[in-house]
Amino acid sequence: MAEWRAEAERWWAGVLRLPPGALRSGGAFAAGHLDHVGVVLAAGAAGPLAYGPPHLVPVLGAALAAAGEDRLLSGGYWAGALGSGARVLGPAWYGYASEATLTRAAAPAVRPLTQADLPLLARLHEQTRPAEVAESGTTGLPAFGYFRGGDLLAVACLGSWQQMPSIGVLTHPQARGEGLGARVVAAAAAAGLSRRAVVQYRAWHANTASLSVAARAGFRHYCDALVIDLAGARTNRF
């Protein structure tokens, strides 16, 4: 197994408190420490994995057994299996980069942002649709930006979730298609690799532009996942 994949699997198993190999074998598991249901389909796994409150494990197992391949990541299918009150988020794509996979290219216009640059980040947010800003996860420092003529045209922020470095990225609407997103993502990921052996990138499946940025920066696909909020509350998700 590739080193980056093994590290990603260890992280998922630790967060979900699963036995070793569960991501590869699939099945239904109890995760009473989390406040939602999740469905994970790891690349190359024997089958999908579902987790959630202990009392729902039989329901999840039955739903996995009945789901065809085309419905494994269907929000409608899981909402039907778990009840009309379920709110489905996803599917999302999860990828990881390591020292071995990360694309590194000289980019003199990319540098770390400082406190003095935060007004430029706010300006970039103002020039982008609110929904894109919310999805981007570009909330602040540490961050790396691509500058041209004093303007911030692309930014990647380095965050963390459950001790996993993670990337949020946003490119100015008029500067897309130039490869700027991949440059700033690679810079942020390189910084994240000083914290852990891999860095995580998450994007909605529908956001094909974001997936393209991840691929160009050297992120490798690990899994696809759904999160199902059963109570309509904000979930402790990743």
C-alpha atoms as a PDB file:
ATOM      1  CA  MET A   1       0.000   0.000   0.000  1.00  0.00           C
ATOM      2  CA  ALA A   2       1.306   3.482  -0.864  1.00  0.00           C
ATOM      3  CA  GLU A   3       2.598   5.373   2.156  1.00  0.00           C
ATOM      4  CA  TRP A   4       0.180   8.275   1.691  1.00  0.00           C
ATOM      5  CA  ARG A   5      -2.778   5.869   1.492  1.00  0.00           C
ATOM      6  CA  ALA A   6      -1.704   4.006   4.637  1.00  0.00           C
ATOM      7  CA  GLU A   7      -1.397   7.298   6.529  1.00  0.00           C
ATOM      8  CA  ALA A   8      -4.836   8.447   5.348  1.00  0.00           C
ATOM      9  CA  GLU A   9      -6.357   5.115   6.374  1.00  0.00           C
ATOM     10  CA  ARG A  10      -4.807   5.355   9.838  1.00  0.00           C
ATOM     11  CA  TRP A  11      -6.279   8.821  10.270  1.00  0.00           C
ATOM     12  CA  TRP A  12      -9.787   7.794   9.216  1.00  0.00           C
ATOM     13  CA  ALA A  13      -9.693   4.716  11.442  1.00  0.00           C
ATOM     14  CA  GLY A  14      -8.548   6.834  14.361  1.00  0.00           C
ATOM     15  CA  VAL A  15     -11.200   9.529  13.920  1.00  0.00           C
ATOM     16  CA  LEU A  16     -13.994   6.973  13.487  1.00  0.00           C
ATOM     17  CA  ARG A  17     -12.500   4.632  16.121  1.00  0.00           C
ATOM     18  CA  LEU A  18     -12.645   1.678  13.767  1.00  0.00           C
ATOM     19  CA  PRO A  19     -10.652  -1.560  13.837  1.00  0.00           C
ATOM     20  CA  PRO A  20      -7.631  -1.810  11.501  1.00  0.00           C
ATOM     21  CA  GLY A  21      -8.611  -2.603   7.932  1.00  0.00           C
ATOM     22  CA  ALA A  22     -12.244  -1.505   8.294  1.00  0.00           C
ATOM     23  CA  LEU A  23     -11.934   1.115   5.549  1.00  0.00           C
ATOM     24  CA  ARG A  24     -10.768  -1.616   3.167  1.00  0.00           C
ATOM     25  CA  SER A  25     -13.310  -4.257   4.184  1.00  0.00           C
ATOM     26  CA  GLY A  26     -16.355  -2.006   4.463  1.00  0.00           C
ATOM     27  CA  GLY A  27     -19.441  -2.780   6.518  1.00  0.00           C
ATOM     28  CA  ALA A  28     -21.559  -1.076   9.181  1.00  0.00           C
ATOM     29  CA  PHE A  29     -19.916   0.146  12.391  1.00  0.00           C
ATOM     30  CA  ALA A  30     -20.981   1.941  15.555  1.00  0.00           C
ATOM     31  CA  ALA A  31     -19.531   5.412  16.126  1.00  0.00           C
ATOM     32  CA  GLY A  32     -21.364   6.638  19.192  1.00  0.00           C
ATOM     33  CA  HIS A  33     -18.848   9.439  19.776  1.00  0.00           C
ATOM     34  CA  LEU A  34     -19.996  11.238  16.608  1.00  0.00           C
ATOM     35  CA  ASP A  35     -23.303  13.041  16.087  1.00  0.00           C
ATOM     36  CA  HIS A  36     -24.054  11.945  12.524  1.00  0.00           C
ATOM     37  CA  VAL A  37     -24.192   9.039  10.108  1.00  0.00           C
ATOM     38  CA  GLY A  38     -21.535   8.741   7.455  1.00  0.00           C
ATOM     39  CA  VAL A  39     -20.951   6.649   4.348  1.00  0.00           C
ATOM     40  CA  VAL A  40     -17.393   6.209   3.069  1.00  0.00           C
ATOM     41  CA  LEU A  41     -16.300   4.470  -0.106  1.00  0.00           C
ATOM     42  CA  ALA A  42     -12.509   4.154  -0.126  1.00  0.00           C
ATOM     43  CA  ALA A  43     -10.847   3.623  -3.502  1.00  0.00           C
ATOM     44  CA  GLY A  44     -10.093  -0.060  -3.980  1.00  0.00           C
ATOM     45  CA  ALA A  45     -12.086  -1.139  -0.907  1.00  0.00           C
ATOM     46  CA  ALA A  46     -14.075  -4.383  -0.905  1.00  0.00           C
ATOM     47  CA  GLY A  47     -17.228  -2.399  -0.189  1.00  0.00           C
ATOM     48  CA  PRO A  48     -18.643   0.793   1.318  1.00  0.00           C
ATOM     49  CA  LEU A  49     -18.469   1.587   5.003  1.00  0.00           C
ATOM     50  CA  ALA A  50     -21.250   3.183   7.040  1.00  0.00           C
ATOM     51  CA  TYR A  51     -20.999   4.431  10.607  1.00  0.00           C
ATOM     52  CA  GLY A  52     -23.367   6.031  13.066  1.00  0.00           C
ATOM     53  CA  PRO A  53     -25.098   5.686  16.440  1.00  0.00           C
ATOM     54  CA  PRO A  54     -25.033   2.091  17.759  1.00  0.00           C
ATOM     55  CA  HIS A  55     -28.806   1.631  17.508  1.00  0.00           C
ATOM     56  CA  LEU A  56     -28.656   2.364  13.764  1.00  0.00           C
ATOM     57  CA  VAL A  57     -25.999  -0.223  12.890  1.00  0.00           C
ATOM     58  CA  PRO A  58     -28.591  -2.854  11.800  1.00  0.00           C
ATOM     59  CA  VAL A  59     -30.338  -0.232   9.642  1.00  0.00           C
ATOM     60  CA  LEU A  60     -27.054   0.846   8.104  1.00  0.00           C
ATOM     61  CA  GLY A  61     -26.043  -2.748   7.408  1.00  0.00           C
ATOM     62  CA  ALA A  62     -29.356  -3.463   5.695  1.00  0.00           C
ATOM     63  CA  ALA A  63     -29.103  -0.282   3.646  1.00  0.00           C
ATOM     64  CA  LEU A  64     -25.588  -1.186   2.502  1.00  0.00           C
ATOM     65  CA  ALA A  65     -26.714  -4.656   1.495  1.00  0.00           C
ATOM     66  CA  ALA A  66     -29.647  -3.295  -0.502  1.00  0.00           C
ATOM     67  CA  ALA A  67     -27.809  -0.444  -2.216  1.00  0.00           C
ATOM     68  CA  GLY A  68     -26.653  -0.892  -5.781  1.00  0.00           C
ATOM     69  CA  GLU A  69     -23.384   0.688  -6.835  1.00  0.00           C
ATOM     70  CA  ASP A  70     -25.238   3.617  -8.365  1.00  0.00           C
ATOM     71  CA  ARG A  71     -26.911   4.418  -5.034  1.00  0.00           C
ATOM     72  CA  LEU A  72     -23.996   4.101  -2.612  1.00  0.00           C
ATOM     73  CA  LEU A  73     -23.373   7.843  -2.687  1.00  0.00           C
ATOM     74  CA  SER A  74     -26.930   8.927  -3.432  1.00  0.00           C
ATOM     75  CA  GLY A  75     -28.258  11.372  -0.884  1.00  0.00           C
ATOM     76  CA  GLY A  76     -31.831  10.484  -1.776  1.00  0.00           C
ATOM     77  CA  TYR A  77     -31.237   6.804  -1.088  1.00  0.00           C
ATOM     78  CA  TRP A  78     -29.769   7.389   2.356  1.00  0.00           C
ATOM     79  CA  ALA A  79     -32.373   9.973   3.282  1.00  0.00           C
ATOM     80  CA  GLY A  80     -35.018   7.396   2.439  1.00  0.00           C
ATOM     81  CA  ALA A  81     -33.276   4.682   4.434  1.00  0.00           C
ATOM     82  CA  LEU A  82     -32.819   6.847   7.519  1.00  0.00           C
ATOM     83  CA  GLY A  83     -35.992   8.926   7.518  1.00  0.00           C
ATOM     84  CA  SER A  84     -37.382  12.067   5.972  1.00  0.00           C
ATOM     85  CA  GLY A  85     -35.714  14.294   8.580  1.00  0.00           C
ATOM     86  CA  ALA A  86     -32.234  13.333   7.467  1.00  0.00           C
ATOM     87  CA  ARG A  87     -30.182  16.057   5.806  1.00  0.00           C
ATOM     88  CA  VAL A  88     -27.493  14.783   3.458  1.00  0.00           C
ATOM     89  CA  LEU A  89     -24.225  16.618   2.814  1.00  0.00           C
ATOM     90  CA  GLY A  90     -22.160  15.457  -0.130  1.00  0.00           C
ATOM     91  CA  PRO A  91     -20.910  13.448  -1.768  1.00  0.00           C
ATOM     92  CA  ALA A  92     -17.466  14.851  -1.139  1.00  0.00           C
ATOM     93  CA  TRP A  93     -14.119  13.852  -2.592  1.00  0.00           C
ATOM     94  CA  TYR A  94     -11.179  13.358  -0.228  1.00  0.00           C
ATOM     95  CA  GLY A  95      -7.607  13.365  -1.470  1.00  0.00           C
ATOM     96  CA  TYR A  96      -4.180  13.389   0.156  1.00  0.00           C
ATOM     97  CA  ALA A  97      -0.753  14.639  -0.801  1.00  0.00           C
ATOM     98  CA  SER A  98       2.606  13.572   0.609  1.00  0.00           C
ATOM     99  CA  GLU A  99       6.202  14.572  -0.041  1.00  0.00           C
ATOM    100  CA  ALA A 100       6.256  11.920  -2.767  1.00  0.00           C
ATOM    101  CA  THR A 101       3.117  13.100  -4.596  1.00  0.00           C
ATOM    102  CA  LEU A 102       3.093  16.881  -4.122  1.00  0.00           C
ATOM    103  CA  THR A 103       3.708  18.912  -7.267  1.00  0.00           C
ATOM    104  CA  ARG A 104       6.358  21.521  -6.561  1.00  0.00           C
ATOM    105  CA  ALA A 105       7.011  24.284  -9.044  1.00  0.00           C
ATOM    106  CA  ALA A 106       8.858  27.569  -8.754  1.00  0.00           C
ATOM    107  CA  ALA A 107       6.257  30.311  -8.368  1.00  0.00           C
ATOM    108  CA  PRO A 108       7.885  33.629  -7.348  1.00  0.00           C
ATOM    109  CA  ALA A 109       4.502  35.346  -7.162  1.00  0.00           C
ATOM    110  CA  VAL A 110       3.343  32.963  -4.406  1.00  0.00           C
ATOM    111  CA  ARG A 111       4.208  33.893  -0.834  1.00  0.00           C
ATOM    112  CA  PRO A 112       2.814  33.511   2.688  1.00  0.00           C
ATOM    113  CA  LEU A 113       0.170  36.044   3.675  1.00  0.00           C
ATOM    114  CA  THR A 114       0.713  38.279   6.691  1.00  0.00           C
ATOM    115  CA  GLN A 115      -1.712  40.243   8.860  1.00  0.00           C
ATOM    116  CA  ALA A 116      -1.144  43.188   6.541  1.00  0.00           C
ATOM    117  CA  ASP A 117      -2.528  41.136   3.628  1.00  0.00           C
ATOM    118  CA  LEU A 118      -5.857  40.305   5.276  1.00  0.00           C
ATOM    119  CA  PRO A 119      -7.639  43.317   3.692  1.00  0.00           C
ATOM    120  CA  LEU A 120      -6.646  41.861   0.306  1.00  0.00           C
ATOM    121  CA  LEU A 121      -8.164  38.524   1.326  1.00  0.00           C
ATOM    122  CA  ALA A 122     -11.347  40.318   2.351  1.00  0.00           C
ATOM    123  CA  ARG A 123     -11.360  42.081  -1.027  1.00  0.00           C
ATOM    124  CA  LEU A 124     -11.010  38.744  -2.836  1.00  0.00           C
ATOM    125  CA  HIS A 125     -13.991  37.460  -0.861  1.00  0.00           C
ATOM    126  CA  GLU A 126     -16.016  40.531  -1.852  1.00  0.00           C
ATOM    127  CA  GLN A 127     -15.262  39.871  -5.524  1.00  0.00           C
ATOM    128  CA  THR A 128     -16.402  36.235  -5.366  1.00  0.00           C
ATOM    129  CA  ARG A 129     -19.867  34.756  -4.984  1.00  0.00           C
ATOM    130  CA  PRO A 130     -20.752  34.196  -1.295  1.00  0.00           C
ATOM    131  CA  ALA A 131     -21.487  30.488  -1.837  1.00  0.00           C
ATOM    132  CA  GLU A 132     -18.022  29.985  -3.336  1.00  0.00           C
ATOM    133  CA  VAL A 133     -16.392  31.844  -0.459  1.00  0.00           C
ATOM    134  CA  ALA A 134     -18.265  29.717   2.080  1.00  0.00           C
ATOM    135  CA  GLU A 135     -17.229  26.488   0.348  1.00  0.00           C
ATOM    136  CA  SER A 136     -13.615  27.578  -0.082  1.00  0.00           C
ATOM    137  CA  GLY A 137     -12.611  27.444   3.573  1.00  0.00           C
ATOM    138  CA  THR A 138     -10.321  30.450   3.106  1.00  0.00           C
ATOM    139  CA  THR A 139     -10.836  31.864   6.570  1.00  0.00           C
ATOM    140  CA  GLY A 140      -7.458  33.372   7.418  1.00  0.00           C
ATOM    141  CA  LEU A 141      -3.859  32.671   8.343  1.00  0.00           C
ATOM    142  CA  PRO A 142      -1.745  30.688   7.771  1.00  0.00           C
ATOM    143  CA  ALA A 143      -2.303  31.169   4.069  1.00  0.00           C
ATOM    144  CA  PHE A 144      -0.388  31.407   0.805  1.00  0.00           C
ATOM    145  CA  GLY A 145      -1.331  33.738  -2.013  1.00  0.00           C
ATOM    146  CA  TYR A 146      -0.590  34.500  -5.634  1.00  0.00           C
ATOM    147  CA  PHE A 147      -0.110  38.234  -6.184  1.00  0.00           C
ATOM    148  CA  ARG A 148      -0.150  40.265  -9.379  1.00  0.00           C
ATOM    149  CA  GLY A 149       0.155  44.011  -9.461  1.00  0.00           C
ATOM    150  CA  GLY A 150      -0.586  44.232  -5.769  1.00  0.00           C
ATOM    151  CA  ASP A 151      -3.792  42.195  -6.086  1.00  0.00           C
ATOM    152  CA  LEU A 152      -4.392  38.838  -4.428  1.00  0.00           C
ATOM    153  CA  LEU A 153      -5.666  36.579  -7.219  1.00  0.00           C
ATOM    154  CA  ALA A 154      -5.562  33.178  -5.509  1.00  0.00           C
ATOM    155  CA  VAL A 155      -5.229  31.998  -1.928  1.00  0.00           C
ATOM    156  CA  ALA A 156      -4.886  28.677  -0.141  1.00  0.00           C
ATOM    157  CA  CYS A 157      -5.402  28.530   3.609  1.00  0.00           C
ATOM    158  CA  LEU A 158      -3.891  25.827   5.787  1.00  0.00           C
ATOM    159  CA  GLY A 159      -6.323  24.585   8.399  1.00  0.00           C
ATOM    160  CA  SER A 160      -6.531  21.549  10.631  1.00  0.00           C
ATOM    161  CA  TRP A 161      -9.214  19.046  11.599  1.00  0.00           C
ATOM    162  CA  GLN A 162      -8.626  16.222  14.055  1.00  0.00           C
ATOM    163  CA  GLN A 163      -4.865  16.855  13.748  1.00  0.00           C
ATOM    164  CA  MET A 164      -5.011  16.511   9.962  1.00  0.00           C
ATOM    165  CA  PRO A 165      -3.708  19.496   7.949  1.00  0.00           C
ATOM    166  CA  SER A 166      -6.340  20.544   5.413  1.00  0.00           C
ATOM    167  CA  ILE A 167      -6.497  22.973   2.504  1.00  0.00           C
ATOM    168  CA  GLY A 168      -9.013  25.622   1.519  1.00  0.00           C
ATOM    169  CA  VAL A 169      -8.575  27.451  -1.788  1.00  0.00           C
ATOM    170  CA  LEU A 170     -10.139  30.334  -3.697  1.00  0.00           C
ATOM    171  CA  THR A 171      -9.207  31.951  -7.029  1.00  0.00           C
ATOM    172  CA  HIS A 172     -10.469  35.291  -8.317  1.00  0.00           C
ATOM    173  CA  PRO A 173     -13.290  34.655 -10.840  1.00  0.00           C
ATOM    174  CA  GLN A 174     -11.409  36.519 -13.579  1.00  0.00           C
ATOM    175  CA  ALA A 175      -8.151  34.631 -12.998  1.00  0.00           C
ATOM    176  CA  ARG A 176      -9.425  31.076 -13.226  1.00  0.00           C
ATOM    177  CA  GLY A 177      -8.014  28.655 -15.747  1.00  0.00           C
ATOM    178  CA  GLU A 178      -4.446  29.955 -15.289  1.00  0.00           C
ATOM    179  CA  GLY A 179      -3.319  27.263 -12.843  1.00  0.00           C
ATOM    180  CA  LEU A 180      -3.028  29.711  -9.945  1.00  0.00           C
ATOM    181  CA  GLY A 181      -5.094  27.576  -7.588  1.00  0.00           C
ATOM    182  CA  ALA A 182      -2.740  24.622  -7.930  1.00  0.00           C
ATOM    183  CA  ARG A 183       0.266  26.850  -7.205  1.00  0.00           C
ATOM    184  CA  VAL A 184      -1.071  28.227  -3.935  1.00  0.00           C
ATOM    185  CA  VAL A 185      -2.445  24.826  -2.896  1.00  0.00           C
ATOM    186  CA  ALA A 186       0.973  23.259  -3.422  1.00  0.00           C
ATOM    187  CA  ALA A 187       2.588  25.979  -1.292  1.00  0.00           C
ATOM    188  CA  ALA A 188       0.079  25.511   1.534  1.00  0.00           C
ATOM    189  CA  ALA A 189       0.369  21.726   1.334  1.00  0.00           C
ATOM    190  CA  ALA A 190       4.167  21.923   1.571  1.00  0.00           C
ATOM    191  CA  ALA A 191       3.778  23.860   4.807  1.00  0.00           C
ATOM    192  CA  GLY A 192       1.246  21.311   6.056  1.00  0.00           C
ATOM    193  CA  LEU A 193       3.697  18.483   5.485  1.00  0.00           C
ATOM    194  CA  SER A 194       5.840  19.913   8.269  1.00  0.00           C
ATOM    195  CA  ARG A 195       3.012  18.913  10.620  1.00  0.00           C
ATOM    196  CA  ARG A 196       2.091  15.486   9.295  1.00  0.00           C
ATOM    197  CA  ALA A 197       3.099  12.999   6.609  1.00  0.00           C
ATOM    198  CA  VAL A 198       0.013  13.816   4.504  1.00  0.00           C
ATOM    199  CA  VAL A 199      -2.258  16.795   3.889  1.00  0.00           C
ATOM    200  CA  GLN A 200      -5.987  16.514   3.157  1.00  0.00           C
ATOM    201  CA  TYR A 201      -8.012  18.159   0.387  1.00  0.00           C
ATOM    202  CA  ARG A 202     -11.811  17.957   0.390  1.00  0.00           C
ATOM    203  CA  ALA A 203     -14.218  19.167  -2.282  1.00  0.00           C
ATOM    204  CA  TRP A 204     -17.783  18.494  -3.307  1.00  0.00           C
ATOM    205  CA  HIS A 205     -18.080  16.077  -6.218  1.00  0.00           C
ATOM    206  CA  ALA A 206     -19.965  18.696  -8.180  1.00  0.00           C
ATOM    207  CA  ASN A 207     -17.047  21.128  -7.975  1.00  0.00           C
ATOM    208  CA  THR A 208     -15.029  19.734 -10.856  1.00  0.00           C
ATOM    209  CA  ALA A 209     -12.811  22.823 -11.009  1.00  0.00           C
ATOM    210  CA  SER A 210     -11.693  22.243  -7.414  1.00  0.00           C
ATOM    211  CA  LEU A 211     -11.010  18.572  -8.122  1.00  0.00           C
ATOM    212  CA  SER A 212      -8.855  19.613 -11.058  1.00  0.00           C
ATOM    213  CA  VAL A 213      -6.850  21.936  -8.796  1.00  0.00           C
ATOM    214  CA  ALA A 214      -6.278  19.072  -6.348  1.00  0.00           C
ATOM    215  CA  ALA A 215      -5.061  16.747  -9.099  1.00  0.00           C
ATOM    216  CA  ARG A 216      -2.646  19.331 -10.524  1.00  0.00           C
ATOM    217  CA  ALA A 217      -1.204  19.973  -7.063  1.00  0.00           C
ATOM    218  CA  GLY A 218      -0.486  16.265  -6.570  1.00  0.00           C
ATOM    219  CA  PHE A 219      -3.352  15.118  -4.366  1.00  0.00           C
ATOM    220  CA  ARG A 220      -4.376  11.477  -4.766  1.00  0.00           C
ATOM    221  CA  HIS A 221      -7.953  10.282  -4.378  1.00  0.00           C
ATOM    222  CA  TYR A 222      -8.549   8.269  -1.207  1.00  0.00           C
ATOM    223  CA  CYS A 223     -12.334   8.101  -0.776  1.00  0.00           C
ATOM    224  CA  ASP A 224     -15.752   9.572  -1.427  1.00  0.00           C
ATOM    225  CA  ALA A 225     -18.074  10.243   1.475  1.00  0.00           C
ATOM    226  CA  LEU A 226     -21.513  11.377   2.542  1.00  0.00           C
ATOM    227  CA  VAL A 227     -22.494  12.879   5.897  1.00  0.00           C
ATOM    228  CA  ILE A 228     -26.103  12.494   7.033  1.00  0.00           C
ATOM    229  CA  ASP A 229     -27.364  14.847   9.727  1.00  0.00           C
ATOM    230  CA  LEU A 230     -30.248  13.068  11.466  1.00  0.00           C
ATOM    231  CA  ALA A 231     -31.527  15.910  13.614  1.00  0.00           C
ATOM    232  CA  GLY A 232     -31.090  18.950  11.422  1.00  0.00           C
ATOM    233  CA  ALA A 233     -28.329  20.177  13.725  1.00  0.00           C
ATOM    234  CA  ARG A 234     -24.849  21.192  12.757  1.00  0.00           C
ATOM    235  CA  THR A 235     -22.775  18.023  12.615  1.00  0.00           C
ATOM    236  CA  ASN A 236     -19.324  17.311  13.955  1.00  0.00           C
ATOM    237  CA  ARG A 237     -18.199  16.326  10.482  1.00  0.00           C
ATOM    238  CA  PHE A 238     -14.983  16.337   8.482  1.00  0.00           C
END
